[in-house]
C-alpha atoms as a PDB file:
ATOM      1  CA  MET A   1      26.901 -12.743  48.091  1.00  0.00           C
ATOM      2  CA  GLU A   2      29.278 -15.606  47.408  1.00  0.00           C
ATOM      3  CA  ILE A   3      32.959 -14.616  46.057  1.00  0.00           C
ATOM      4  CA  ASP A   4      35.133 -17.018  43.709  1.00  0.00           C
ATOM      5  CA  LYS A   5      38.184 -17.660  45.483  1.00  0.00           C
ATOM      6  CA  ASN A   6      39.913 -17.885  42.249  1.00  0.00           C
ATOM      7  CA  THR A   7      38.944 -13.890  41.415  1.00  0.00           C
ATOM      8  CA  LEU A   8      40.586 -12.959  45.014  1.00  0.00           C
ATOM      9  CA  ALA A   9      43.745 -14.821  43.960  1.00  0.00           C
ATOM     10  CA  GLN A  10      43.914 -12.427  40.904  1.00  0.00           C
ATOM     11  CA  PRO A  11      46.421  -9.557  41.436  1.00  0.00           C
ATOM     12  CA  LYS A  12      44.401  -6.268  41.181  1.00  0.00           C
ATOM     13  CA  ASN A  13      46.434  -5.010  38.440  1.00  0.00           C
ATOM     14  CA  SER A  14      45.253  -8.222  36.487  1.00  0.00           C
ATOM     15  CA  ILE A  15      41.810  -7.353  37.000  1.00  0.00           C
ATOM     16  CA  LYS A  16      41.883  -3.805  36.569  1.00  0.00           C
ATOM     17  CA  GLY A  17      43.683  -4.863  32.725  1.00  0.00           C
ATOM     18  CA  SER A  18      41.078  -7.032  31.676  1.00  0.00           C
ATOM     19  CA  SER A  19      38.831  -4.973  32.556  1.00  0.00           C
ATOM     20  CA  ALA A  20      40.115  -1.907  30.650  1.00  0.00           C
ATOM     21  CA  GLU A  21      41.063  -4.530  28.162  1.00  0.00           C
ATOM     22  CA  SER A  22      37.223  -5.810  27.557  1.00  0.00           C
ATOM     23  CA  LEU A  23      36.335  -1.899  27.412  1.00  0.00           C
ATOM     24  CA  LYS A  24      39.021  -1.105  24.979  1.00  0.00           C
ATOM     25  CA  LYS A  25      36.935  -4.482  22.479  1.00  0.00           C
ATOM     26  CA  GLY A  26      33.811  -2.962  23.410  1.00  0.00           C
ATOM     27  CA  VAL A  27      34.181   0.496  22.055  1.00  0.00           C
ATOM     28  CA  PHE A  28      35.933  -0.886  19.161  1.00  0.00           C
ATOM     29  CA  ALA A  29      33.586  -3.001  18.231  1.00  0.00           C
ATOM     30  CA  ALA A  30      30.645  -0.659  19.010  1.00  0.00           C
ATOM     31  CA  LEU A  31      32.432   2.243  16.739  1.00  0.00           C
ATOM     32  CA  GLY A  32      33.017  -0.769  13.800  1.00  0.00           C
ATOM     33  CA  ALA A  33      29.171  -1.631  14.454  1.00  0.00           C
ATOM     34  CA  TYR A  34      27.594   2.126  14.196  1.00  0.00           C
ATOM     35  CA  GLY A  35      29.737   3.326  11.744  1.00  0.00           C
ATOM     36  CA  ILE A  36      28.960   0.640   9.247  1.00  0.00           C
ATOM     37  CA  TRP A  37      25.112   1.047  10.134  1.00  0.00           C
ATOM     38  CA  GLY A  38      26.028   5.108   9.239  1.00  0.00           C
ATOM     39  CA  ALA A  39      27.615   4.510   6.249  1.00  0.00           C
ATOM     40  CA  PHE A  40      24.476   2.571   4.760  1.00  0.00           C
ATOM     41  CA  PRO A  41      23.431   5.406   2.786  1.00  0.00           C
ATOM     42  CA  LEU A  42      26.509   5.569   0.701  1.00  0.00           C
ATOM     43  CA  MET A  43      26.902   2.023   0.220  1.00  0.00           C
ATOM     44  CA  PHE A  44      23.482   1.776  -1.264  1.00  0.00           C
ATOM     45  CA  ARG A  45      23.563   4.500  -3.197  1.00  0.00           C
ATOM     46  CA  LEU A  46      26.385   3.002  -5.013  1.00  0.00           C
ATOM     47  CA  LEU A  47      23.476   0.486  -6.103  1.00  0.00           C
ATOM     48  CA  ASP A  48      21.139   3.626  -7.550  1.00  0.00           C
ATOM     49  CA  GLY A  49      18.670   2.658 -10.074  1.00  0.00           C
ATOM     50  CA  VAL A  50      18.884  -1.412  -8.874  1.00  0.00           C
ATOM     51  CA  ASN A  51      15.566  -2.116  -7.758  1.00  0.00           C
ATOM     52  CA  PRO A  52      14.888  -2.456  -3.858  1.00  0.00           C
ATOM     53  CA  VAL A  53      13.312  -5.794  -3.676  1.00  0.00           C
ATOM     54  CA  LEU A  54      16.017  -7.247  -5.971  1.00  0.00           C
ATOM     55  CA  ILE A  55      18.629  -5.787  -3.636  1.00  0.00           C
ATOM     56  CA  VAL A  56      17.072  -6.864  -0.728  1.00  0.00           C
ATOM     57  CA  ALA A  57      17.008 -10.473  -1.985  1.00  0.00           C
ATOM     58  CA  HIS A  58      20.132  -9.729  -2.486  1.00  0.00           C
ATOM     59  CA  ARG A  59      21.014  -9.180   1.190  1.00  0.00           C
ATOM     60  CA  VAL A  60      19.294 -12.000   2.189  1.00  0.00           C
ATOM     61  CA  VAL A  61      20.849 -14.373  -0.297  1.00  0.00           C
ATOM     62  CA  TRP A  62      24.819 -13.437   1.069  1.00  0.00           C
ATOM     63  CA  SER A  63      23.846 -12.451   4.464  1.00  0.00           C
ATOM     64  CA  LEU A  64      22.646 -16.055   5.228  1.00  0.00           C
ATOM     65  CA  MET A  65      26.435 -17.530   2.987  1.00  0.00           C
ATOM     66  CA  PHE A  66      28.182 -15.431   5.364  1.00  0.00           C
ATOM     67  CA  VAL A  67      26.846 -15.238   8.754  1.00  0.00           C
ATOM     68  CA  GLY A  68      26.644 -19.588   8.031  1.00  0.00           C
ATOM     69  CA  ALA A  69      30.455 -19.685   7.244  1.00  0.00           C
ATOM     70  CA  ILE A  70      30.898 -17.732  10.765  1.00  0.00           C
ATOM     71  CA  LEU A  71      28.854 -20.000  12.479  1.00  0.00           C
ATOM     72  CA  LYS A  72      30.071 -23.293  10.499  1.00  0.00           C
ATOM     73  CA  TRP A  73      34.221 -21.393  11.266  1.00  0.00           C
ATOM     74  CA  GLN A  74      33.326 -20.989  14.705  1.00  0.00           C
ATOM     75  CA  GLY A  75      31.354 -24.560  15.549  1.00  0.00           C
ATOM     76  CA  ARG A  76      28.084 -22.693  16.348  1.00  0.00           C
ATOM     77  CA  MET A  77      25.451 -24.510  14.052  1.00  0.00           C
ATOM     78  CA  GLY A  78      24.471 -26.183  16.624  1.00  0.00           C
ATOM     79  CA  GLU A  79      22.516 -23.540  18.472  1.00  0.00           C
ATOM     80  CA  VAL A  80      21.188 -23.094  14.878  1.00  0.00           C
ATOM     81  CA  SER A  81      19.638 -26.526  15.113  1.00  0.00           C
ATOM     82  CA  THR A  82      18.459 -26.516  18.599  1.00  0.00           C
ATOM     83  CA  ALA A  83      16.552 -22.978  17.962  1.00  0.00           C
ATOM     84  CA  LEU A  84      14.914 -24.449  14.588  1.00  0.00           C
ATOM     85  CA  ARG A  85      13.415 -27.501  17.027  1.00  0.00           C
ATOM     86  CA  ASP A  86      11.768 -25.372  19.167  1.00  0.00           C
ATOM     87  CA  LYS A  87       8.518 -24.506  17.154  1.00  0.00           C
ATOM     88  CA  LYS A  88       7.748 -20.940  19.596  1.00  0.00           C
ATOM     89  CA  ALA A  89      10.985 -19.417  18.616  1.00  0.00           C
ATOM     90  CA  VAL A  90      10.578 -20.520  15.164  1.00  0.00           C
ATOM     91  CA  LEU A  91       7.696 -18.869  14.911  1.00  0.00           C
ATOM     92  CA  ILE A  92       9.323 -15.650  16.589  1.00  0.00           C
ATOM     93  CA  ILE A  93      12.101 -15.402  14.793  1.00  0.00           C
ATOM     94  CA  PHE A  94       9.862 -15.835  11.520  1.00  0.00           C
ATOM     95  CA  LEU A  95       7.775 -12.341  12.465  1.00  0.00           C
ATOM     96  CA  SER A  96      10.886 -10.944  13.250  1.00  0.00           C
ATOM     97  CA  ALA A  97      12.328 -11.888  10.040  1.00  0.00           C
ATOM     98  CA  THR A  98       9.134 -10.329   8.467  1.00  0.00           C
ATOM     99  CA  LEU A  99       9.645  -7.002  10.433  1.00  0.00           C
ATOM    100  CA  LEU A 100      13.532  -7.002   8.908  1.00  0.00           C
ATOM    101  CA  ALA A 101      12.916  -7.195   5.450  1.00  0.00           C
ATOM    102  CA  VAL A 102      10.207  -5.052   5.294  1.00  0.00           C
ATOM    103  CA  ASN A 103      12.746  -2.760   7.487  1.00  0.00           C
ATOM    104  CA  TRP A 104      15.500  -3.270   5.031  1.00  0.00           C
ATOM    105  CA  LEU A 105      12.723  -2.625   1.705  1.00  0.00           C
ATOM    106  CA  VAL A 106      12.317   0.794   2.975  1.00  0.00           C
ATOM    107  CA  PHE A 107      15.527   1.688   4.106  1.00  0.00           C
ATOM    108  CA  ILE A 108      16.507   1.290   0.407  1.00  0.00           C
ATOM    109  CA  TRP A 109      14.121   2.721  -0.998  1.00  0.00           C
ATOM    110  CA  ALA A 110      14.177   5.943   1.455  1.00  0.00           C
ATOM    111  CA  ILE A 111      18.164   6.141  -0.162  1.00  0.00           C
ATOM    112  CA  GLU A 112      17.165   5.667  -3.730  1.00  0.00           C
ATOM    113  CA  ALA A 113      14.384   8.410  -3.075  1.00  0.00           C
ATOM    114  CA  GLU A 114      17.061  10.816  -1.700  1.00  0.00           C
ATOM    115  CA  ARG A 115      15.128  11.000   1.437  1.00  0.00           C
ATOM    116  CA  VAL A 116      17.951  10.078   3.958  1.00  0.00           C
ATOM    117  CA  LEU A 117      16.636  12.845   6.287  1.00  0.00           C
ATOM    118  CA  GLU A 118      14.113  10.980   7.166  1.00  0.00           C
ATOM    119  CA  VAL A 119      15.916   7.619   7.471  1.00  0.00           C
ATOM    120  CA  SER A 120      18.185   9.610  10.060  1.00  0.00           C
ATOM    121  CA  LEU A 121      15.039  10.761  12.470  1.00  0.00           C
ATOM    122  CA  GLY A 122      12.938   7.300  12.005  1.00  0.00           C
ATOM    123  CA  TYR A 123      16.720   6.452  14.295  1.00  0.00           C
ATOM    124  CA  PHE A 124      16.848   8.688  16.199  1.00  0.00           C
ATOM    125  CA  ILE A 125      13.526   8.650  17.530  1.00  0.00           C
ATOM    126  CA  ASN A 126      14.118   4.471  17.348  1.00  0.00           C
ATOM    127  CA  PRO A 127      15.479   4.860  21.531  1.00  0.00           C
ATOM    128  CA  LEU A 128      12.337   6.527  22.286  1.00  0.00           C
ATOM    129  CA  VAL A 129      10.027   4.072  20.329  1.00  0.00           C
ATOM    130  CA  ASN A 130      11.538   0.863  22.519  1.00  0.00           C
ATOM    131  CA  VAL A 131      10.465   3.062  25.163  1.00  0.00           C
ATOM    132  CA  LEU A 132       6.815   3.110  24.532  1.00  0.00           C
ATOM    133  CA  LEU A 133       6.974  -0.450  23.189  1.00  0.00           C
ATOM    134  CA  GLY A 134       8.274  -1.032  27.151  1.00  0.00           C
ATOM    135  CA  MET A 135       5.962   0.624  28.669  1.00  0.00           C
ATOM    136  CA  VAL A 136       2.991  -1.467  26.318  1.00  0.00           C
ATOM    137  CA  PHE A 137       4.190  -4.716  26.729  1.00  0.00           C
ATOM    138  CA  LEU A 138       6.173  -5.747  29.108  1.00  0.00           C
ATOM    139  CA  GLY A 139       4.745  -3.327  31.482  1.00  0.00           C
ATOM    140  CA  GLU A 140       7.993  -0.597  32.312  1.00  0.00           C
ATOM    141  CA  LYS A 141       7.583   2.439  34.140  1.00  0.00           C
ATOM    142  CA  GLN A 142       9.026   5.966  33.439  1.00  0.00           C
ATOM    143  CA  ASN A 143       9.455   9.204  35.179  1.00  0.00           C
ATOM    144  CA  LYS A 144       8.820  12.280  35.016  1.00  0.00           C
ATOM    145  CA  TRP A 145      11.905  12.861  33.176  1.00  0.00           C
ATOM    146  CA  GLN A 146      11.570  10.820  30.817  1.00  0.00           C
ATOM    147  CA  TRP A 147       7.915  11.622  30.238  1.00  0.00           C
ATOM    148  CA  VAL A 148       8.877  15.496  28.754  1.00  0.00           C
ATOM    149  CA  ALA A 149      11.118  13.615  26.779  1.00  0.00           C
ATOM    150  CA  ILE A 150       8.945  11.102  24.980  1.00  0.00           C
ATOM    151  CA  PHE A 151       6.299  14.872  24.838  1.00  0.00           C
ATOM    152  CA  ILE A 152       9.070  16.481  23.250  1.00  0.00           C
ATOM    153  CA  ALA A 153       9.410  13.389  20.448  1.00  0.00           C
ATOM    154  CA  VAL A 154       5.912  13.563  20.129  1.00  0.00           C
ATOM    155  CA  VAL A 155       5.698  17.774  19.335  1.00  0.00           C
ATOM    156  CA  ALA A 156       8.947  16.855  17.320  1.00  0.00           C
ATOM    157  CA  MET A 157       7.457  14.641  14.944  1.00  0.00           C
ATOM    158  CA  GLY A 158       4.775  17.097  14.715  1.00  0.00           C
ATOM    159  CA  VAL A 159       7.083  20.056  13.695  1.00  0.00           C
ATOM    160  CA  GLN A 160       8.314  17.148  10.918  1.00  0.00           C
ATOM    161  CA  THR A 161       4.468  16.865   9.863  1.00  0.00           C
ATOM    162  CA  LEU A 162       4.205  20.229   9.421  1.00  0.00           C
ATOM    163  CA  GLY A 163       7.829  20.707   7.942  1.00  0.00           C
ATOM    164  CA  LEU A 164       7.216  17.884   5.306  1.00  0.00           C
ATOM    165  CA  GLY A 165       3.918  18.773   4.737  1.00  0.00           C
ATOM    166  CA  GLU A 166       2.941  15.324   5.527  1.00  0.00           C
ATOM    167  CA  LEU A 167       2.949  12.223   8.011  1.00  0.00           C
ATOM    168  CA  PRO A 168       6.742  11.247   8.193  1.00  0.00           C
ATOM    169  CA  LEU A 169       6.221   7.992   7.062  1.00  0.00           C
ATOM    170  CA  ILE A 170       9.142   6.442   6.564  1.00  0.00           C
ATOM    171  CA  SER A 171      10.548   7.889   9.317  1.00  0.00           C
ATOM    172  CA  LEU A 172       7.246   6.060  11.683  1.00  0.00           C
ATOM    173  CA  SER A 173       8.004   2.989   9.697  1.00  0.00           C
ATOM    174  CA  LEU A 174      11.523   2.488  10.372  1.00  0.00           C
ATOM    175  CA  ALA A 175      11.280   3.601  13.985  1.00  0.00           C
ATOM    176  CA  LEU A 176       8.274   0.977  14.751  1.00  0.00           C
ATOM    177  CA  LEU A 177       9.892  -2.183  12.519  1.00  0.00           C
ATOM    178  CA  PHE A 178      12.974  -1.897  13.444  1.00  0.00           C
ATOM    179  CA  GLY A 179      11.510  -1.161  17.296  1.00  0.00           C
ATOM    180  CA  LEU A 180       9.457  -4.166  16.955  1.00  0.00           C
ATOM    181  CA  TYR A 181      12.170  -6.409  15.910  1.00  0.00           C
ATOM    182  CA  GLY A 182      14.007  -5.364  18.565  1.00  0.00           C
ATOM    183  CA  TYR A 183      11.069  -6.355  20.860  1.00  0.00           C
ATOM    184  CA  LEU A 184      10.858  -9.992  19.422  1.00  0.00           C
ATOM    185  CA  ARG A 185      14.095 -10.902  19.000  1.00  0.00           C
ATOM    186  CA  LYS A 186      14.192  -9.895  23.149  1.00  0.00           C
ATOM    187  CA  ILE A 187      11.497 -12.063  23.804  1.00  0.00           C
ATOM    188  CA  VAL A 188      13.313 -15.091  21.881  1.00  0.00           C
ATOM    189  CA  SER A 189      16.250 -16.668  23.444  1.00  0.00           C
ATOM    190  CA  VAL A 190      18.622 -17.239  20.165  1.00  0.00           C
ATOM    191  CA  GLY A 191      21.546 -15.510  20.033  1.00  0.00           C
ATOM    192  CA  SER A 192      22.102 -12.391  17.394  1.00  0.00           C
ATOM    193  CA  ALA A 193      24.106 -14.169  14.613  1.00  0.00           C
ATOM    194  CA  PRO A 194      22.406 -17.736  15.128  1.00  0.00           C
ATOM    195  CA  GLY A 195      19.365 -15.387  15.014  1.00  0.00           C
ATOM    196  CA  LEU A 196      20.087 -13.578  11.673  1.00  0.00           C
ATOM    197  CA  PHE A 197      20.538 -17.116  10.288  1.00  0.00           C
ATOM    198  CA  ILE A 198      17.207 -18.498  10.928  1.00  0.00           C
ATOM    199  CA  GLU A 199      15.470 -14.895   9.514  1.00  0.00           C
ATOM    200  CA  THR A 200      17.619 -15.067   6.385  1.00  0.00           C
ATOM    201  CA  LEU A 201      16.838 -18.985   6.157  1.00  0.00           C
ATOM    202  CA  LEU A 202      13.506 -18.043   6.163  1.00  0.00           C
ATOM    203  CA  MET A 203      13.475 -15.587   3.812  1.00  0.00           C
ATOM    204  CA  LEU A 204      15.328 -17.349   1.196  1.00  0.00           C
ATOM    205  CA  PRO A 205      12.457 -18.990  -0.374  1.00  0.00           C
ATOM    206  CA  PHE A 206      11.221 -15.827  -1.127  1.00  0.00           C
ATOM    207  CA  ALA A 207      14.891 -13.910  -2.011  1.00  0.00           C
ATOM    208  CA  LEU A 208      15.525 -17.187  -4.385  1.00  0.00           C
ATOM    209  CA  GLY A 209      11.687 -17.083  -6.057  1.00  0.00           C
ATOM    210  CA  TYR A 210      12.082 -13.106  -6.502  1.00  0.00           C
ATOM    211  CA  LEU A 211      15.733 -13.828  -8.525  1.00  0.00           C
ATOM    212  CA  GLY A 212      14.105 -16.869 -10.486  1.00  0.00           C
ATOM    213  CA  TYR A 213      11.315 -14.266 -11.691  1.00  0.00           C
ATOM    214  CA  THR A 214      13.657 -11.360 -12.179  1.00  0.00           C
ATOM    215  CA  PHE A 215      16.129 -13.941 -13.998  1.00  0.00           C
ATOM    216  CA  PHE A 216      12.665 -15.371 -16.371  1.00  0.00           C
ATOM    217  CA  THR A 217      10.746 -11.731 -16.677  1.00  0.00           C
ATOM    218  CA  SER A 218      13.893  -9.496 -17.225  1.00  0.00           C
ATOM    219  CA  GLY A 219      16.952 -11.644 -18.054  1.00  0.00           C
ATOM    220  CA  ALA A 220      20.678 -11.303 -16.499  1.00  0.00           C
ATOM    221  CA  GLY A 221      20.186  -7.477 -15.976  1.00  0.00           C
ATOM    222  CA  VAL A 222      22.192  -5.776 -13.299  1.00  0.00           C
ATOM    223  CA  HIS A 223      23.881  -9.422 -12.762  1.00  0.00           C
ATOM    224  CA  VAL A 224      26.354  -8.951 -15.801  1.00  0.00           C
ATOM    225  CA  ASP A 225      27.742  -5.782 -14.359  1.00  0.00           C
ATOM    226  CA  PRO A 226      30.543  -7.126 -12.509  1.00  0.00           C
ATOM    227  CA  LYS A 227      31.129  -3.797 -10.049  1.00  0.00           C
ATOM    228  CA  LEU A 228      27.054  -4.199  -9.152  1.00  0.00           C
ATOM    229  CA  MET A 229      27.431  -7.713  -8.869  1.00  0.00           C
ATOM    230  CA  THR A 230      30.985  -6.930  -6.304  1.00  0.00           C
ATOM    231  CA  TYR A 231      28.491  -4.406  -4.349  1.00  0.00           C
ATOM    232  CA  LEU A 232      25.534  -6.792  -3.782  1.00  0.00           C
ATOM    233  CA  VAL A 233      26.990  -8.980  -2.607  1.00  0.00           C
ATOM    234  CA  LEU A 234      29.643  -7.174  -0.684  1.00  0.00           C
ATOM    235  CA  THR A 235      25.637  -5.861   1.245  1.00  0.00           C
ATOM    236  CA  GLY A 236      25.761  -9.672   2.939  1.00  0.00           C
ATOM    237  CA  PRO A 237      29.228  -9.442   4.660  1.00  0.00           C
ATOM    238  CA  ALA A 238      28.003  -5.545   5.347  1.00  0.00           C
ATOM    239  CA  THR A 239      24.411  -6.854   7.506  1.00  0.00           C
ATOM    240  CA  ALA A 240      26.539  -9.308   8.985  1.00  0.00           C
ATOM    241  CA  GLY A 241      29.413  -8.204   9.973  1.00  0.00           C
ATOM    242  CA  ALA A 242      27.934  -4.961  11.655  1.00  0.00           C
ATOM    243  CA  LEU A 243      25.517  -7.753  13.984  1.00  0.00           C
ATOM    244  CA  LEU A 244      28.556  -9.776  15.069  1.00  0.00           C
ATOM    245  CA  LEU A 245      30.272  -6.589  15.566  1.00  0.00           C
ATOM    246  CA  PHE A 246      27.332  -5.067  17.500  1.00  0.00           C
ATOM    247  CA  ALA A 247      27.233  -9.059  19.642  1.00  0.00           C
ATOM    248  CA  THR A 248      30.967  -8.200  21.002  1.00  0.00           C
ATOM    249  CA  ALA A 249      30.413  -3.979  22.165  1.00  0.00           C
ATOM    250  CA  ALA A 250      27.081  -5.398  23.873  1.00  0.00           C
ATOM    251  CA  ARG A 251      29.305  -8.508  25.934  1.00  0.00           C
ATOM    252  CA  ASN A 252      32.065  -6.565  26.638  1.00  0.00           C
ATOM    253  CA  LEU A 253      30.115  -2.820  27.620  1.00  0.00           C
ATOM    254  CA  ARG A 254      27.414  -1.490  30.169  1.00  0.00           C
ATOM    255  CA  LEU A 255      24.148  -1.280  28.799  1.00  0.00           C
ATOM    256  CA  THR A 256      24.220   2.278  29.412  1.00  0.00           C
ATOM    257  CA  THR A 257      28.203   2.690  27.536  1.00  0.00           C
ATOM    258  CA  LEU A 258      26.405   0.975  24.160  1.00  0.00           C
ATOM    259  CA  GLY A 259      23.167   3.041  24.471  1.00  0.00           C
ATOM    260  CA  MET A 260      25.486   6.132  23.987  1.00  0.00           C
ATOM    261  CA  PHE A 261      26.570   4.864  20.944  1.00  0.00           C
ATOM    262  CA  GLN A 262      23.754   4.175  19.397  1.00  0.00           C
ATOM    263  CA  TYR A 263      23.140   7.831  18.108  1.00  0.00           C
ATOM    264  CA  ILE A 264      26.474   7.743  15.681  1.00  0.00           C
ATOM    265  CA  ALA A 265      24.376   5.350  13.004  1.00  0.00           C
ATOM    266  CA  PRO A 266      21.178   8.076  12.548  1.00  0.00           C
ATOM    267  CA  THR A 267      24.130  11.367  12.791  1.00  0.00           C
ATOM    268  CA  ALA A 268      25.688  10.322  10.067  1.00  0.00           C
ATOM    269  CA  HIS A 269      22.869   9.366   8.417  1.00  0.00           C
ATOM    270  CA  PHE A 270      21.932  12.781   8.256  1.00  0.00           C
ATOM    271  CA  LEU A 271      25.279  14.657   8.010  1.00  0.00           C
ATOM    272  CA  THR A 272      25.526  12.093   4.104  1.00  0.00           C
ATOM    273  CA  ALA A 273      21.887  13.613   3.978  1.00  0.00           C
ATOM    274  CA  VAL A 274      22.655  16.833   4.385  1.00  0.00           C
ATOM    275  CA  TRP A 275      26.550  17.548   3.152  1.00  0.00           C
ATOM    276  CA  LEU A 276      27.053  14.803   0.827  1.00  0.00           C
ATOM    277  CA  PHE A 277      23.111  14.461  -1.192  1.00  0.00           C
ATOM    278  CA  ASN A 278      22.422  17.672  -0.799  1.00  0.00           C
ATOM    279  CA  GLU A 279      19.325  17.295   0.890  1.00  0.00           C
ATOM    280  CA  PRO A 280      16.811  20.315   1.121  1.00  0.00           C
ATOM    281  CA  LEU A 281      16.507  20.848   5.017  1.00  0.00           C
ATOM    282  CA  ASN A 282      13.980  23.669   6.186  1.00  0.00           C
ATOM    283  CA  GLY A 283      13.972  25.385   9.445  1.00  0.00           C
ATOM    284  CA  THR A 284      10.466  23.041  10.334  1.00  0.00           C
ATOM    285  CA  GLN A 285      12.901  20.505   9.426  1.00  0.00           C
ATOM    286  CA  LEU A 286      15.929  21.926  11.806  1.00  0.00           C
ATOM    287  CA  ILE A 287      13.922  22.552  14.786  1.00  0.00           C
ATOM    288  CA  SER A 288      12.163  19.012  14.842  1.00  0.00           C
ATOM    289  CA  PHE A 289      15.599  17.720  14.406  1.00  0.00           C
ATOM    290  CA  CYS A 290      16.490  20.112  17.526  1.00  0.00           C
ATOM    291  CA  LEU A 291      13.320  19.564  19.209  1.00  0.00           C
ATOM    292  CA  ILE A 292      14.622  15.261  19.136  1.00  0.00           C
ATOM    293  CA  TRP A 293      18.127  15.647  20.112  1.00  0.00           C
ATOM    294  CA  VAL A 294      17.018  17.913  23.007  1.00  0.00           C
ATOM    295  CA  SER A 295      14.450  14.595  23.695  1.00  0.00           C
ATOM    296  CA  ILE A 296      17.206  12.867  23.703  1.00  0.00           C
ATOM    297  CA  GLY A 297      19.427  14.692  25.813  1.00  0.00           C
ATOM    298  CA  ILE A 298      16.957  14.440  28.708  1.00  0.00           C
ATOM    299  CA  TYR A 299      16.443  10.867  28.051  1.00  0.00           C
ATOM    300  CA  SER A 300      20.040   9.988  28.234  1.00  0.00           C
ATOM    301  CA  PHE A 301      21.133  11.912  31.007  1.00  0.00           C
ATOM    302  CA  ASN A 302      18.307  10.614  32.900  1.00  0.00           C
ATOM    303  CA  SER A 303      19.066   7.184  32.526  1.00  0.00           C
ATOM    304  CA  LEU A 304      22.492   7.541  32.769  1.00  0.00           C
ATOM    305  CA  ARG A 305      21.963   9.395  36.421  1.00  0.00           C
ATOM    306  CA  SER A 306      19.630   6.312  37.208  1.00  0.00           C
ATOM    307  CA  HIS A 307      21.859   4.296  36.791  1.00  0.00           C
ATOM    308  CA  GLU A 308      24.874   5.616  38.790  1.00  0.00           C
ATOM    309  CA  HIS A 309      22.114   6.103  41.440  1.00  0.00           C
ATOM    310  CA  ARG A 310      21.150   2.304  41.540  1.00  0.00           C
ATOM    311  CA  LEU A 311      25.280   1.705  41.302  1.00  0.00           C
ATOM    312  CA  GLU A 312      25.048   4.049  44.783  1.00  0.00           C
ATOM    313  CA  LYS A 313      22.750   1.782  46.795  1.00  0.00           C
ATOM    314  CA  ILE A 314      24.718  -1.607  45.942  1.00  0.00           C
END
């Protein structure tokens, strides 16, 4: 392996300082991103009573404007132009935009329907859904402990079905939609911020069409309420801001370290549902969540051990 002479010339303390600074920056960015995502139920509850489709339409418009301003300021609009010239990339991003829009709609509807516990469960199982998608689409292999974790998660979903008296469609929908969205974004070589800009750009005609239809059929409605309009506008910076923070965290942290932060949001959703929104949690549902936590614990511990073992061989 060839070693950069400039790196050898740097004092050890300088290298350590740079590494520590990156770690600190990454940790704060990860906490910010997952903290914002964890607070989404509180934010969208402020819009309780507003049509979820209308909220999604506004989220598209203001996300596009916010991330567009950031890209312009950073001088990165060229990345958008390059991506738009790639027909295959545009098709994949159009599919990812569709999945993202449906995910947003299900998420907001679930919050307004007071089913935040199911939202929490969906994002708890999302990493395990990613594992299954990796096996199906990327041919990734799992060891015996990872299979145990997956089996426990499947049992947990069965228990959750018994607790709810019906299949947890919200949880499964959110996990699958975001899992498939993540897979599509993984296979297209477009950065996070430019990708979100193109996704919202592709959604824009539908969003503007719905807003125009709403004005035509129902009048100004919530748009004359300054408080509600403020909340609607803030959905844009919140959405794009969390994504930009996540991108910063991904650049400065190891994937295994970043993976440990992904449970902050569903944990916040769970606590919000139980302690702030007073959603009912019966014993069977609690058992289901406990099984999911055990499954996550097994999979995460095994992943960390595997990562450490690979480092020892380097």
